[in-house]
Amino acid sequence: MAAEVTHISRHGFWLLLGDDEELLLPFAQFPWFRQATIEQITEVERPAPDHLYWPGLDVDLSVDSIRRPADFPLIAKR
């Protein structure tokens, strides 16, 4: 049940889940990572099959929110 960052570019990063699935996290859709350091992005934990956690950023994400970001819109309230 591992998760590993395999590539980082100025547009986002690729996350390998297990041995068979690689997902792109574009910074436009996942803005919490835009200003993060490489160390903060690559330090990812997978405590459950559908749960990812970046402790250096205190970011929790569901794997489903990466697979289908349109189903999980970002909404900020003032």
C-alpha atoms as a PDB file:
ATOM      1  CA  MET A   1       0.000   0.000   0.000  1.00  0.00           C
ATOM      2  CA  ALA A   2       2.816   2.383  -0.857  1.00  0.00           C
ATOM      3  CA  ALA A   3       2.679   5.796  -2.515  1.00  0.00           C
ATOM      4  CA  GLU A   4       5.673   7.391  -4.210  1.00  0.00           C
ATOM      5  CA  VAL A   5       6.203  10.646  -6.097  1.00  0.00           C
ATOM      6  CA  THR A   6       7.914   9.734  -9.365  1.00  0.00           C
ATOM      7  CA  HIS A   7       8.203  13.089 -11.158  1.00  0.00           C
ATOM      8  CA  ILE A   8       7.757  16.778 -10.348  1.00  0.00           C
ATOM      9  CA  SER A   9       7.436  19.513 -12.962  1.00  0.00           C
ATOM     10  CA  ARG A  10       6.375  23.145 -12.859  1.00  0.00           C
ATOM     11  CA  HIS A  11       2.826  22.013 -13.732  1.00  0.00           C
ATOM     12  CA  GLY A  12       2.347  19.301 -11.095  1.00  0.00           C
ATOM     13  CA  PHE A  13       3.622  15.921  -9.988  1.00  0.00           C
ATOM     14  CA  TRP A  14       3.051  12.218 -10.633  1.00  0.00           C
ATOM     15  CA  LEU A  15       2.160   9.869  -7.805  1.00  0.00           C
ATOM     16  CA  LEU A  16       2.616   6.098  -8.101  1.00  0.00           C
ATOM     17  CA  LEU A  17       0.116   4.087  -6.049  1.00  0.00           C
ATOM     18  CA  GLY A  18       1.220   0.516  -5.518  1.00  0.00           C
ATOM     19  CA  ASP A  19       2.600  -1.118  -8.636  1.00  0.00           C
ATOM     20  CA  ASP A  20      -0.155  -0.399 -11.097  1.00  0.00           C
ATOM     21  CA  GLU A  21      -1.560   3.136 -10.934  1.00  0.00           C
ATOM     22  CA  GLU A  22       0.099   6.490 -11.534  1.00  0.00           C
ATOM     23  CA  LEU A  23      -1.863   9.709 -11.067  1.00  0.00           C
ATOM     24  CA  LEU A  24      -1.096  13.304 -12.031  1.00  0.00           C
ATOM     25  CA  LEU A  25      -1.724  16.041  -9.476  1.00  0.00           C
ATOM     26  CA  PRO A  26      -1.708  19.311 -11.431  1.00  0.00           C
ATOM     27  CA  PHE A  27      -0.952  22.346  -9.286  1.00  0.00           C
ATOM     28  CA  ALA A  28      -3.935  24.138 -10.853  1.00  0.00           C
ATOM     29  CA  GLN A  29      -6.278  21.551  -9.304  1.00  0.00           C
ATOM     30  CA  PHE A  30      -4.233  20.891  -6.146  1.00  0.00           C
ATOM     31  CA  PRO A  31      -2.926  24.353  -5.174  1.00  0.00           C
ATOM     32  CA  TRP A  32      -1.692  23.274  -1.711  1.00  0.00           C
ATOM     33  CA  PHE A  33       1.398  21.823  -3.391  1.00  0.00           C
ATOM     34  CA  ARG A  34       2.305  24.774  -5.655  1.00  0.00           C
ATOM     35  CA  GLN A  35       4.736  26.450  -3.223  1.00  0.00           C
ATOM     36  CA  ALA A  36       5.815  23.252  -1.437  1.00  0.00           C
ATOM     37  CA  THR A  37       9.411  22.062  -1.402  1.00  0.00           C
ATOM     38  CA  ILE A  38      10.464  18.840  -3.097  1.00  0.00           C
ATOM     39  CA  GLU A  39      10.938  17.300   0.342  1.00  0.00           C
ATOM     40  CA  GLN A  40       7.394  18.256   1.394  1.00  0.00           C
ATOM     41  CA  ILE A  41       5.874  16.823  -1.787  1.00  0.00           C
ATOM     42  CA  THR A  42       7.838  13.575  -1.746  1.00  0.00           C
ATOM     43  CA  GLU A  43       7.099  12.849   1.925  1.00  0.00           C
ATOM     44  CA  VAL A  44       3.744  11.158   1.368  1.00  0.00           C
ATOM     45  CA  GLU A  45       2.081   8.519   3.520  1.00  0.00           C
ATOM     46  CA  ARG A  46      -0.749   6.161   2.628  1.00  0.00           C
ATOM     47  CA  PRO A  47      -2.382   5.139   5.913  1.00  0.00           C
ATOM     48  CA  ALA A  48      -5.339   3.528   4.094  1.00  0.00           C
ATOM     49  CA  PRO A  49      -6.029   2.486   0.489  1.00  0.00           C
ATOM     50  CA  ASP A  50      -8.057   5.659  -0.205  1.00  0.00           C
ATOM     51  CA  HIS A  51      -6.190   8.062   2.095  1.00  0.00           C
ATOM     52  CA  LEU A  52      -2.991  10.018   1.383  1.00  0.00           C
ATOM     53  CA  TYR A  53      -1.253  12.329   3.843  1.00  0.00           C
ATOM     54  CA  TRP A  54       1.593  14.815   3.420  1.00  0.00           C
ATOM     55  CA  PRO A  55       2.779  15.494   7.011  1.00  0.00           C
ATOM     56  CA  GLY A  56       5.083  18.385   6.105  1.00  0.00           C
ATOM     57  CA  LEU A  57       2.130  20.232   4.561  1.00  0.00           C
ATOM     58  CA  ASP A  58      -0.652  18.828   6.780  1.00  0.00           C
ATOM     59  CA  VAL A  59      -2.589  17.897   3.625  1.00  0.00           C
ATOM     60  CA  ASP A  60      -5.006  14.948   3.570  1.00  0.00           C
ATOM     61  CA  LEU A  61      -6.484  13.769   0.275  1.00  0.00           C
ATOM     62  CA  SER A  62      -8.749  10.981  -0.789  1.00  0.00           C
ATOM     63  CA  VAL A  63      -7.383   8.974  -3.730  1.00  0.00           C
ATOM     64  CA  ASP A  64     -10.798   9.411  -5.352  1.00  0.00           C
ATOM     65  CA  SER A  65     -10.350  13.196  -5.248  1.00  0.00           C
ATOM     66  CA  ILE A  66      -7.219  12.774  -7.386  1.00  0.00           C
ATOM     67  CA  ARG A  67      -8.836  10.317  -9.777  1.00  0.00           C
ATOM     68  CA  ARG A  68     -11.946  12.483 -10.211  1.00  0.00           C
ATOM     69  CA  PRO A  69     -11.182  16.064  -9.104  1.00  0.00           C
ATOM     70  CA  ALA A  70     -14.363  17.376 -10.754  1.00  0.00           C
ATOM     71  CA  ASP A  71     -16.368  15.425  -8.153  1.00  0.00           C
ATOM     72  CA  PHE A  72     -14.566  17.325  -5.364  1.00  0.00           C
ATOM     73  CA  PRO A  73     -14.653  21.052  -6.261  1.00  0.00           C
ATOM     74  CA  LEU A  74     -12.663  23.525  -4.213  1.00  0.00           C
ATOM     75  CA  ILE A  75     -15.059  25.961  -2.578  1.00  0.00           C
ATOM     76  CA  ALA A  76     -13.842  28.737  -0.317  1.00  0.00           C
ATOM     77  CA  LYS A  77     -16.210  30.690   1.898  1.00  0.00           C
ATOM     78  CA  ARG A  78     -15.471  34.122   3.285  1.00  0.00           C
END
